[in-house]
C-alpha atoms as a PDB file:
ATOM      1  CA  UNK A   1      10.896 -27.433   9.690  1.00  0.00           C
ATOM      2  CA  UNK A   2      10.947 -25.450   6.448  1.00  0.00           C
ATOM      3  CA  UNK A   3      10.489 -21.751   5.806  1.00  0.00           C
ATOM      4  CA  UNK A   4       7.834 -20.605   3.359  1.00  0.00           C
ATOM      5  CA  UNK A   5       7.272 -17.246   1.678  1.00  0.00           C
ATOM      6  CA  UNK A   6       3.653 -16.523   0.749  1.00  0.00           C
ATOM      7  CA  UNK A   7       2.689 -13.697  -1.604  1.00  0.00           C
ATOM      8  CA  UNK A   8      -0.869 -12.602  -0.946  1.00  0.00           C
ATOM      9  CA  UNK A   9      -3.389 -10.176  -2.451  1.00  0.00           C
ATOM     10  CA  UNK A  10      -6.508  -8.938  -0.717  1.00  0.00           C
ATOM     11  CA  UNK A  11      -9.286  -6.398  -0.930  1.00  0.00           C
ATOM     12  CA  UNK A  12      -9.120  -4.685   2.441  1.00  0.00           C
ATOM     13  CA  UNK A  13     -12.615  -3.178   2.351  1.00  0.00           C
ATOM     14  CA  UNK A  14     -14.195  -5.784   4.617  1.00  0.00           C
ATOM     15  CA  UNK A  15     -11.147  -6.588   6.768  1.00  0.00           C
ATOM     16  CA  UNK A  16     -10.185  -4.983  10.075  1.00  0.00           C
ATOM     17  CA  UNK A  17      -6.607  -4.858   8.849  1.00  0.00           C
ATOM     18  CA  UNK A  18      -3.895  -7.503   8.699  1.00  0.00           C
ATOM     19  CA  UNK A  19      -3.286  -8.215  12.373  1.00  0.00           C
ATOM     20  CA  UNK A  20      -5.384 -10.840  14.148  1.00  0.00           C
ATOM     21  CA  UNK A  21      -7.818  -9.317  16.655  1.00  0.00           C
ATOM     22  CA  UNK A  22     -10.362 -11.106  18.845  1.00  0.00           C
ATOM     23  CA  UNK A  23     -13.861 -10.902  17.420  1.00  0.00           C
ATOM     24  CA  UNK A  24     -12.748  -9.149  14.223  1.00  0.00           C
ATOM     25  CA  UNK A  25     -12.318 -10.354  10.654  1.00  0.00           C
ATOM     26  CA  UNK A  26      -8.672  -9.877   9.725  1.00  0.00           C
ATOM     27  CA  UNK A  27      -6.404 -11.062   6.925  1.00  0.00           C
ATOM     28  CA  UNK A  28      -4.007 -12.760   9.327  1.00  0.00           C
ATOM     29  CA  UNK A  29      -6.880 -14.498  11.054  1.00  0.00           C
ATOM     30  CA  UNK A  30      -8.308 -15.839   7.793  1.00  0.00           C
ATOM     31  CA  UNK A  31      -4.919 -17.011   6.498  1.00  0.00           C
ATOM     32  CA  UNK A  32      -3.978 -18.689   9.778  1.00  0.00           C
ATOM     33  CA  UNK A  33      -7.359 -20.446   9.818  1.00  0.00           C
ATOM     34  CA  UNK A  34      -6.802 -21.680   6.261  1.00  0.00           C
ATOM     35  CA  UNK A  35      -3.263 -22.823   7.135  1.00  0.00           C
ATOM     36  CA  UNK A  36      -4.589 -24.795  10.112  1.00  0.00           C
ATOM     37  CA  UNK A  37      -7.251 -26.500   7.991  1.00  0.00           C
ATOM     38  CA  UNK A  38      -4.737 -27.483   5.301  1.00  0.00           C
ATOM     39  CA  UNK A  39      -1.688 -28.459   7.376  1.00  0.00           C
ATOM     40  CA  UNK A  40      -3.119 -29.157  10.822  1.00  0.00           C
ATOM     41  CA  UNK A  41      -0.630 -26.648  12.240  1.00  0.00           C
ATOM     42  CA  UNK A  42      -1.380 -23.665  14.453  1.00  0.00           C
ATOM     43  CA  UNK A  43       1.143 -21.289  12.938  1.00  0.00           C
ATOM     44  CA  UNK A  44       1.895 -17.634  13.577  1.00  0.00           C
ATOM     45  CA  UNK A  45       2.245 -15.857  10.247  1.00  0.00           C
ATOM     46  CA  UNK A  46       4.402 -12.746   9.924  1.00  0.00           C
ATOM     47  CA  UNK A  47       3.653 -10.107   7.288  1.00  0.00           C
ATOM     48  CA  UNK A  48       5.939  -7.585   5.619  1.00  0.00           C
ATOM     49  CA  UNK A  49       3.567  -4.816   6.656  1.00  0.00           C
ATOM     50  CA  UNK A  50       0.601  -4.681   9.030  1.00  0.00           C
ATOM     51  CA  UNK A  51      -1.952  -2.951   6.855  1.00  0.00           C
ATOM     52  CA  UNK A  52      -4.781  -1.098   8.585  1.00  0.00           C
ATOM     53  CA  UNK A  53      -8.514  -1.629   8.191  1.00  0.00           C
ATOM     54  CA  UNK A  54      -9.601  -0.801   4.659  1.00  0.00           C
ATOM     55  CA  UNK A  55      -6.090  -0.891   3.157  1.00  0.00           C
ATOM     56  CA  UNK A  56      -5.560  -3.244   0.213  1.00  0.00           C
ATOM     57  CA  UNK A  57      -2.594  -5.332  -0.934  1.00  0.00           C
ATOM     58  CA  UNK A  58      -1.528  -6.590  -4.332  1.00  0.00           C
ATOM     59  CA  UNK A  59       1.718  -8.113  -3.098  1.00  0.00           C
ATOM     60  CA  UNK A  60       1.756  -8.591   0.664  1.00  0.00           C
ATOM     61  CA  UNK A  61       4.474 -11.053   1.733  1.00  0.00           C
ATOM     62  CA  UNK A  62       4.020 -13.477   4.615  1.00  0.00           C
ATOM     63  CA  UNK A  63       6.498 -15.874   6.226  1.00  0.00           C
ATOM     64  CA  UNK A  64       5.844 -19.072   8.129  1.00  0.00           C
ATOM     65  CA  UNK A  65       7.830 -22.041   9.419  1.00  0.00           C
ATOM     66  CA  UNK A  66       6.187 -25.384   8.926  1.00  0.00           C
ATOM     67  CA  UNK A  67       6.736 -29.127   8.991  1.00  0.00           C
ATOM     68  CA  UNK A  68       4.277 -29.718   6.151  1.00  0.00           C
ATOM     69  CA  UNK A  69       5.285 -31.868   3.186  1.00  0.00           C
ATOM     70  CA  UNK A  70       2.749 -30.271   0.868  1.00  0.00           C
ATOM     71  CA  UNK A  71       4.543 -28.838  -2.216  1.00  0.00           C
ATOM     72  CA  UNK A  72       4.422 -25.039  -2.577  1.00  0.00           C
ATOM     73  CA  UNK A  73       2.360 -25.119  -5.777  1.00  0.00           C
ATOM     74  CA  UNK A  74      -0.203 -27.355  -4.075  1.00  0.00           C
ATOM     75  CA  UNK A  75      -0.334 -25.028  -1.074  1.00  0.00           C
ATOM     76  CA  UNK A  76      -1.429 -22.188  -3.364  1.00  0.00           C
ATOM     77  CA  UNK A  77      -4.496 -24.097  -4.534  1.00  0.00           C
ATOM     78  CA  UNK A  78      -5.241 -25.584  -1.132  1.00  0.00           C
ATOM     79  CA  UNK A  79      -5.088 -22.278   0.717  1.00  0.00           C
ATOM     80  CA  UNK A  80      -7.195 -20.511  -1.891  1.00  0.00           C
ATOM     81  CA  UNK A  81      -9.852 -23.177  -1.533  1.00  0.00           C
ATOM     82  CA  UNK A  82     -10.197 -22.180   2.129  1.00  0.00           C
ATOM     83  CA  UNK A  83      -9.769 -18.405   1.874  1.00  0.00           C
ATOM     84  CA  UNK A  84     -12.697 -16.011   1.335  1.00  0.00           C
ATOM     85  CA  UNK A  85     -13.222 -14.408  -2.072  1.00  0.00           C
ATOM     86  CA  UNK A  86     -11.561 -11.125  -1.058  1.00  0.00           C
ATOM     87  CA  UNK A  87      -8.146 -12.716  -0.402  1.00  0.00           C
ATOM     88  CA  UNK A  88      -6.002 -14.925  -2.623  1.00  0.00           C
ATOM     89  CA  UNK A  89      -2.556 -16.493  -2.392  1.00  0.00           C
ATOM     90  CA  UNK A  90      -0.561 -15.623  -5.493  1.00  0.00           C
ATOM     91  CA  UNK A  91       2.588 -17.656  -4.837  1.00  0.00           C
ATOM     92  CA  UNK A  92       4.163 -19.928  -2.226  1.00  0.00           C
ATOM     93  CA  UNK A  93       7.928 -20.480  -2.225  1.00  0.00           C
ATOM     94  CA  UNK A  94      10.376 -22.484  -0.140  1.00  0.00           C
ATOM     95  CA  UNK A  95      13.033 -20.090   1.140  1.00  0.00           C
ATOM     96  CA  UNK A  96      16.132 -20.134   3.326  1.00  0.00           C
ATOM     97  CA  UNK A  97      15.655 -21.173   6.933  1.00  0.00           C
ATOM     98  CA  UNK A  98      14.864 -18.273   9.205  1.00  0.00           C
ATOM     99  CA  UNK A  99      13.332 -16.062   6.526  1.00  0.00           C
ATOM    100  CA  UNK A 100      11.217 -13.332   8.134  1.00  0.00           C
ATOM    101  CA  UNK A 101       8.867 -11.280   5.974  1.00  0.00           C
ATOM    102  CA  UNK A 102       9.160  -8.217   8.189  1.00  0.00           C
ATOM    103  CA  UNK A 103      12.820  -8.151   9.191  1.00  0.00           C
ATOM    104  CA  UNK A 104      14.286  -9.269   5.858  1.00  0.00           C
ATOM    105  CA  UNK A 105      12.424  -6.759   3.679  1.00  0.00           C
ATOM    106  CA  UNK A 106      14.766  -4.376   1.817  1.00  0.00           C
ATOM    107  CA  UNK A 107      12.152  -1.994   0.490  1.00  0.00           C
ATOM    108  CA  UNK A 108       8.422  -1.732  -0.122  1.00  0.00           C
ATOM    109  CA  UNK A 109       6.238   0.085  -2.609  1.00  0.00           C
ATOM    110  CA  UNK A 110       2.823   1.539  -1.858  1.00  0.00           C
ATOM    111  CA  UNK A 111       0.337   3.212  -4.176  1.00  0.00           C
ATOM    112  CA  UNK A 112      -2.247   5.773  -3.120  1.00  0.00           C
ATOM    113  CA  UNK A 113      -5.091   6.319  -5.591  1.00  0.00           C
ATOM    114  CA  UNK A 114      -7.232   9.425  -5.965  1.00  0.00           C
ATOM    115  CA  UNK A 115     -10.428   9.612  -8.034  1.00  0.00           C
ATOM    116  CA  UNK A 116      -9.941  13.201  -9.230  1.00  0.00           C
ATOM    117  CA  UNK A 117     -13.177  13.758 -11.089  1.00  0.00           C
ATOM    118  CA  UNK A 118     -16.362  15.799 -10.483  1.00  0.00           C
ATOM    119  CA  UNK A 119     -18.470  12.669 -10.765  1.00  0.00           C
ATOM    120  CA  UNK A 120     -19.096  10.672  -7.632  1.00  0.00           C
ATOM    121  CA  UNK A 121     -17.386   7.279  -8.041  1.00  0.00           C
ATOM    122  CA  UNK A 122     -19.405   4.104  -7.993  1.00  0.00           C
ATOM    123  CA  UNK A 123     -16.997   1.336  -9.006  1.00  0.00           C
ATOM    124  CA  UNK A 124     -13.907   2.984  -7.487  1.00  0.00           C
ATOM    125  CA  UNK A 125     -15.483   4.181  -4.270  1.00  0.00           C
ATOM    126  CA  UNK A 126     -13.787   1.490  -2.141  1.00  0.00           C
ATOM    127  CA  UNK A 127     -10.400   1.863  -3.799  1.00  0.00           C
ATOM    128  CA  UNK A 128      -9.774   5.590  -4.270  1.00  0.00           C
ATOM    129  CA  UNK A 129     -10.144   8.863  -2.371  1.00  0.00           C
ATOM    130  CA  UNK A 130     -12.667  11.049  -4.174  1.00  0.00           C
ATOM    131  CA  UNK A 131     -11.464  14.620  -4.687  1.00  0.00           C
ATOM    132  CA  UNK A 132     -13.824  16.331  -7.167  1.00  0.00           C
ATOM    133  CA  UNK A 133     -11.797  19.497  -7.823  1.00  0.00           C
ATOM    134  CA  UNK A 134      -8.766  19.318 -10.177  1.00  0.00           C
ATOM    135  CA  UNK A 135      -5.382  18.708  -8.556  1.00  0.00           C
ATOM    136  CA  UNK A 136      -2.198  20.366  -9.814  1.00  0.00           C
ATOM    137  CA  UNK A 137      -0.204  17.195 -10.438  1.00  0.00           C
ATOM    138  CA  UNK A 138       2.900  19.081 -11.594  1.00  0.00           C
ATOM    139  CA  UNK A 139       3.054  20.911  -8.256  1.00  0.00           C
ATOM    140  CA  UNK A 140       2.532  17.631  -6.405  1.00  0.00           C
ATOM    141  CA  UNK A 141       5.460  16.126  -8.301  1.00  0.00           C
ATOM    142  CA  UNK A 142       7.720  18.964  -7.192  1.00  0.00           C
ATOM    143  CA  UNK A 143       6.516  18.522  -3.615  1.00  0.00           C
ATOM    144  CA  UNK A 144       7.086  14.781  -3.781  1.00  0.00           C
ATOM    145  CA  UNK A 145      10.690  15.293  -4.868  1.00  0.00           C
ATOM    146  CA  UNK A 146      11.427  16.849  -1.449  1.00  0.00           C
ATOM    147  CA  UNK A 147      10.624  13.512   0.183  1.00  0.00           C
ATOM    148  CA  UNK A 148      13.217  11.490  -1.711  1.00  0.00           C
ATOM    149  CA  UNK A 149      16.296  10.666   0.347  1.00  0.00           C
ATOM    150  CA  UNK A 150      17.057   9.809   3.958  1.00  0.00           C
ATOM    151  CA  UNK A 151      15.166  12.007   6.409  1.00  0.00           C
ATOM    152  CA  UNK A 152      13.593  12.018   9.817  1.00  0.00           C
ATOM    153  CA  UNK A 153       9.946  11.552   8.825  1.00  0.00           C
ATOM    154  CA  UNK A 154       8.422  12.101  12.272  1.00  0.00           C
ATOM    155  CA  UNK A 155       6.071  14.625  10.652  1.00  0.00           C
ATOM    156  CA  UNK A 156       4.316  11.812   8.765  1.00  0.00           C
ATOM    157  CA  UNK A 157       3.903   9.450  11.728  1.00  0.00           C
ATOM    158  CA  UNK A 158       0.565   9.069  13.493  1.00  0.00           C
ATOM    159  CA  UNK A 159       0.328   8.599  17.233  1.00  0.00           C
ATOM    160  CA  UNK A 160       0.607   4.962  18.247  1.00  0.00           C
ATOM    161  CA  UNK A 161       3.756   3.963  16.357  1.00  0.00           C
ATOM    162  CA  UNK A 162       6.038   1.414  18.012  1.00  0.00           C
ATOM    163  CA  UNK A 163       9.114   2.408  15.998  1.00  0.00           C
ATOM    164  CA  UNK A 164      12.177   3.557  17.938  1.00  0.00           C
ATOM    165  CA  UNK A 165      13.591   5.584  15.026  1.00  0.00           C
ATOM    166  CA  UNK A 166      11.651   7.820  12.637  1.00  0.00           C
ATOM    167  CA  UNK A 167      14.487   8.002  10.100  1.00  0.00           C
ATOM    168  CA  UNK A 168      13.640   6.344   6.799  1.00  0.00           C
ATOM    169  CA  UNK A 169      14.911   6.406   3.216  1.00  0.00           C
ATOM    170  CA  UNK A 170      12.475   7.144   0.386  1.00  0.00           C
ATOM    171  CA  UNK A 171      13.815   5.962  -2.977  1.00  0.00           C
ATOM    172  CA  UNK A 172      10.968   7.252  -5.129  1.00  0.00           C
ATOM    173  CA  UNK A 173       7.863   9.424  -4.749  1.00  0.00           C
ATOM    174  CA  UNK A 174       6.077   9.644  -8.104  1.00  0.00           C
ATOM    175  CA  UNK A 175       2.774  11.271  -8.837  1.00  0.00           C
ATOM    176  CA  UNK A 176       1.009  10.371 -12.058  1.00  0.00           C
ATOM    177  CA  UNK A 177      -2.258  11.334 -13.740  1.00  0.00           C
ATOM    178  CA  UNK A 178      -4.173   9.198 -16.231  1.00  0.00           C
ATOM    179  CA  UNK A 179      -7.657   8.742 -17.589  1.00  0.00           C
ATOM    180  CA  UNK A 180      -9.518   5.535 -16.877  1.00  0.00           C
ATOM    181  CA  UNK A 181     -10.052   3.246 -19.914  1.00  0.00           C
ATOM    182  CA  UNK A 182     -13.037   3.914 -22.114  1.00  0.00           C
ATOM    183  CA  UNK A 183     -12.463   7.561 -22.959  1.00  0.00           C
ATOM    184  CA  UNK A 184     -11.625   8.994 -26.372  1.00  0.00           C
ATOM    185  CA  UNK A 185      -9.481  11.541 -24.588  1.00  0.00           C
ATOM    186  CA  UNK A 186      -6.810   8.951 -23.984  1.00  0.00           C
ATOM    187  CA  UNK A 187      -4.383   9.201 -21.091  1.00  0.00           C
ATOM    188  CA  UNK A 188      -1.661  11.548 -20.016  1.00  0.00           C
ATOM    189  CA  UNK A 189       1.547  10.427 -18.400  1.00  0.00           C
ATOM    190  CA  UNK A 190       3.058  13.174 -16.263  1.00  0.00           C
ATOM    191  CA  UNK A 191       6.153  11.463 -14.889  1.00  0.00           C
ATOM    192  CA  UNK A 192       9.322  10.491 -16.735  1.00  0.00           C
ATOM    193  CA  UNK A 193      10.810   8.308 -14.018  1.00  0.00           C
ATOM    194  CA  UNK A 194       8.771   5.105 -14.251  1.00  0.00           C
ATOM    195  CA  UNK A 195       8.238   2.463 -16.874  1.00  0.00           C
ATOM    196  CA  UNK A 196       5.055   3.493 -18.736  1.00  0.00           C
ATOM    197  CA  UNK A 197       3.895  -0.109 -18.701  1.00  0.00           C
ATOM    198  CA  UNK A 198       3.697   0.036 -14.902  1.00  0.00           C
ATOM    199  CA  UNK A 199       1.302   2.959 -14.806  1.00  0.00           C
ATOM    200  CA  UNK A 200      -2.330   2.836 -15.728  1.00  0.00           C
ATOM    201  CA  UNK A 201      -5.622   4.076 -14.419  1.00  0.00           C
ATOM    202  CA  UNK A 202      -7.548   1.708 -12.189  1.00  0.00           C
ATOM    203  CA  UNK A 203      -9.876  -0.347 -14.432  1.00  0.00           C
ATOM    204  CA  UNK A 204     -12.475  -0.268 -11.669  1.00  0.00           C
ATOM    205  CA  UNK A 205     -12.924   3.473 -12.192  1.00  0.00           C
ATOM    206  CA  UNK A 206     -15.660   5.003 -14.297  1.00  0.00           C
ATOM    207  CA  UNK A 207     -14.644   5.394 -17.977  1.00  0.00           C
ATOM    208  CA  UNK A 208     -12.838   8.650 -18.652  1.00  0.00           C
ATOM    209  CA  UNK A 209     -12.360   9.525 -14.988  1.00  0.00           C
ATOM    210  CA  UNK A 210      -9.111  11.219 -14.042  1.00  0.00           C
ATOM    211  CA  UNK A 211      -7.069   9.034 -11.710  1.00  0.00           C
ATOM    212  CA  UNK A 212      -4.114  10.449  -9.782  1.00  0.00           C
ATOM    213  CA  UNK A 213      -1.707   7.928  -8.262  1.00  0.00           C
ATOM    214  CA  UNK A 214       0.992   8.526  -5.679  1.00  0.00           C
ATOM    215  CA  UNK A 215       3.645   5.795  -5.686  1.00  0.00           C
ATOM    216  CA  UNK A 216       6.064   5.752  -2.763  1.00  0.00           C
ATOM    217  CA  UNK A 217       8.977   3.355  -2.437  1.00  0.00           C
ATOM    218  CA  UNK A 218      11.189   3.178   0.645  1.00  0.00           C
ATOM    219  CA  UNK A 219      13.167   0.993   3.013  1.00  0.00           C
ATOM    220  CA  UNK A 220      10.414   1.185   5.606  1.00  0.00           C
ATOM    221  CA  UNK A 221       7.401   3.217   6.630  1.00  0.00           C
ATOM    222  CA  UNK A 222       6.074   4.672   9.857  1.00  0.00           C
ATOM    223  CA  UNK A 223       2.506   4.260  11.070  1.00  0.00           C
ATOM    224  CA  UNK A 224       0.162   5.933   8.538  1.00  0.00           C
ATOM    225  CA  UNK A 225       3.184   7.458   6.779  1.00  0.00           C
ATOM    226  CA  UNK A 226       2.041   6.931   3.177  1.00  0.00           C
ATOM    227  CA  UNK A 227      -1.490   8.102   3.919  1.00  0.00           C
ATOM    228  CA  UNK A 228      -0.126  11.268   5.535  1.00  0.00           C
ATOM    229  CA  UNK A 229       2.194  11.806   2.564  1.00  0.00           C
ATOM    230  CA  UNK A 230      -0.873  11.591   0.333  1.00  0.00           C
ATOM    231  CA  UNK A 231      -2.784  14.063   2.474  1.00  0.00           C
ATOM    232  CA  UNK A 232       0.165  16.453   2.442  1.00  0.00           C
ATOM    233  CA  UNK A 233       0.603  16.297  -1.329  1.00  0.00           C
ATOM    234  CA  UNK A 234      -3.116  16.905  -1.825  1.00  0.00           C
ATOM    235  CA  UNK A 235      -2.714  20.186   0.061  1.00  0.00           C
ATOM    236  CA  UNK A 236      -0.139  21.140  -2.573  1.00  0.00           C
ATOM    237  CA  UNK A 237      -2.318  19.860  -5.412  1.00  0.00           C
ATOM    238  CA  UNK A 238      -5.243  21.953  -4.205  1.00  0.00           C
ATOM    239  CA  UNK A 239      -3.049  25.057  -4.243  1.00  0.00           C
ATOM    240  CA  UNK A 240      -3.361  25.597  -0.513  1.00  0.00           C
ATOM    241  CA  UNK A 241       0.372  25.106  -0.006  1.00  0.00           C
ATOM    242  CA  UNK A 242       3.461  25.509  -2.174  1.00  0.00           C
ATOM    243  CA  UNK A 243       5.612  22.530  -3.178  1.00  0.00           C
ATOM    244  CA  UNK A 244       8.422  23.964  -1.025  1.00  0.00           C
ATOM    245  CA  UNK A 245       6.180  23.690   2.026  1.00  0.00           C
ATOM    246  CA  UNK A 246       6.741  19.908   1.940  1.00  0.00           C
ATOM    247  CA  UNK A 247      10.427  20.431   2.769  1.00  0.00           C
ATOM    248  CA  UNK A 248       9.418  22.683   5.667  1.00  0.00           C
ATOM    249  CA  UNK A 249       7.063  20.019   6.987  1.00  0.00           C
ATOM    250  CA  UNK A 250       9.811  17.386   6.938  1.00  0.00           C
ATOM    251  CA  UNK A 251      12.259  19.732   8.663  1.00  0.00           C
ATOM    252  CA  UNK A 252       9.717  20.459  11.412  1.00  0.00           C
ATOM    253  CA  UNK A 253       9.478  16.795  12.497  1.00  0.00           C
ATOM    254  CA  UNK A 254       6.028  17.754  13.771  1.00  0.00           C
ATOM    255  CA  UNK A 255       2.943  15.782  12.744  1.00  0.00           C
ATOM    256  CA  UNK A 256       0.750  18.840  13.298  1.00  0.00           C
ATOM    257  CA  UNK A 257       2.401  20.666  10.397  1.00  0.00           C
ATOM    258  CA  UNK A 258       1.588  18.011   7.766  1.00  0.00           C
ATOM    259  CA  UNK A 259      -1.629  17.390   5.866  1.00  0.00           C
ATOM    260  CA  UNK A 260      -4.454  15.114   6.893  1.00  0.00           C
ATOM    261  CA  UNK A 261      -4.204  11.344   7.047  1.00  0.00           C
ATOM    262  CA  UNK A 262      -5.792  10.326   3.738  1.00  0.00           C
ATOM    263  CA  UNK A 263      -8.599   7.728   3.876  1.00  0.00           C
ATOM    264  CA  UNK A 264      -7.429   4.138   4.216  1.00  0.00           C
ATOM    265  CA  UNK A 265      -9.335   2.763   1.217  1.00  0.00           C
ATOM    266  CA  UNK A 266      -7.131   4.583  -1.308  1.00  0.00           C
ATOM    267  CA  UNK A 267      -3.968   2.792  -0.187  1.00  0.00           C
ATOM    268  CA  UNK A 268      -2.572  -0.442  -1.614  1.00  0.00           C
ATOM    269  CA  UNK A 269       0.655  -2.285  -0.782  1.00  0.00           C
ATOM    270  CA  UNK A 270       2.076  -3.009  -4.239  1.00  0.00           C
ATOM    271  CA  UNK A 271       5.059  -5.235  -3.512  1.00  0.00           C
ATOM    272  CA  UNK A 272       7.977  -5.997  -1.212  1.00  0.00           C
ATOM    273  CA  UNK A 273      11.573  -6.630  -2.272  1.00  0.00           C
ATOM    274  CA  UNK A 274      14.106  -8.859  -0.466  1.00  0.00           C
END
């Protein structure tokens, strides 16, 4: 048996999340079906994160143990020939025996996207939360800074989590504003902590639309944690709460004190590090 690491991208709009569920179209279900057709093996695939219905992934990581002799580069093409158009294997690698995509992950990065423009989105409607009134990104950045570090993040956890501990470490929480390509107004970078080449407006957005992104990197995340972080920071961006209120929310350890759980379709798992 060999251990394989699969890097996968998918558009979550038409999936009922990652985890296989009877009678529902899921990413795990589609990938396991493709694996069976290619290798003849009924394998249980483990993902770095179990994304919810509507959540997207640019760099989901999946692990599987297999007796197949098919080379990794051939598995990429073979699996993609069996997967639907809204999911694609980016890379397959042979890794050390026992590799587990969930347990071996060191940190993950998620991006939440907001279409912050008066116009109703057409192209970005499945990939960004539409907030028509201007957000105060500078205030959101100050609020986000309160999240960095090791804290008990029970305030950002939705009911239904299976985690024993709610303590997590957030390495970065960056909020950026940019204009979608196609506008003479150009773009504005409002954070000095990331490589400018990493940050850009979503090309699916209408030309000239203002796109606000919330990038959160940590050693692990609670159920709906990033979406609740986004909802909390939007309260600050709307001027309803001060940036300092974020620290109070964290100290409370009470989900009722935080902002709303932002819509699933604005969230994307960017990548996982091992």
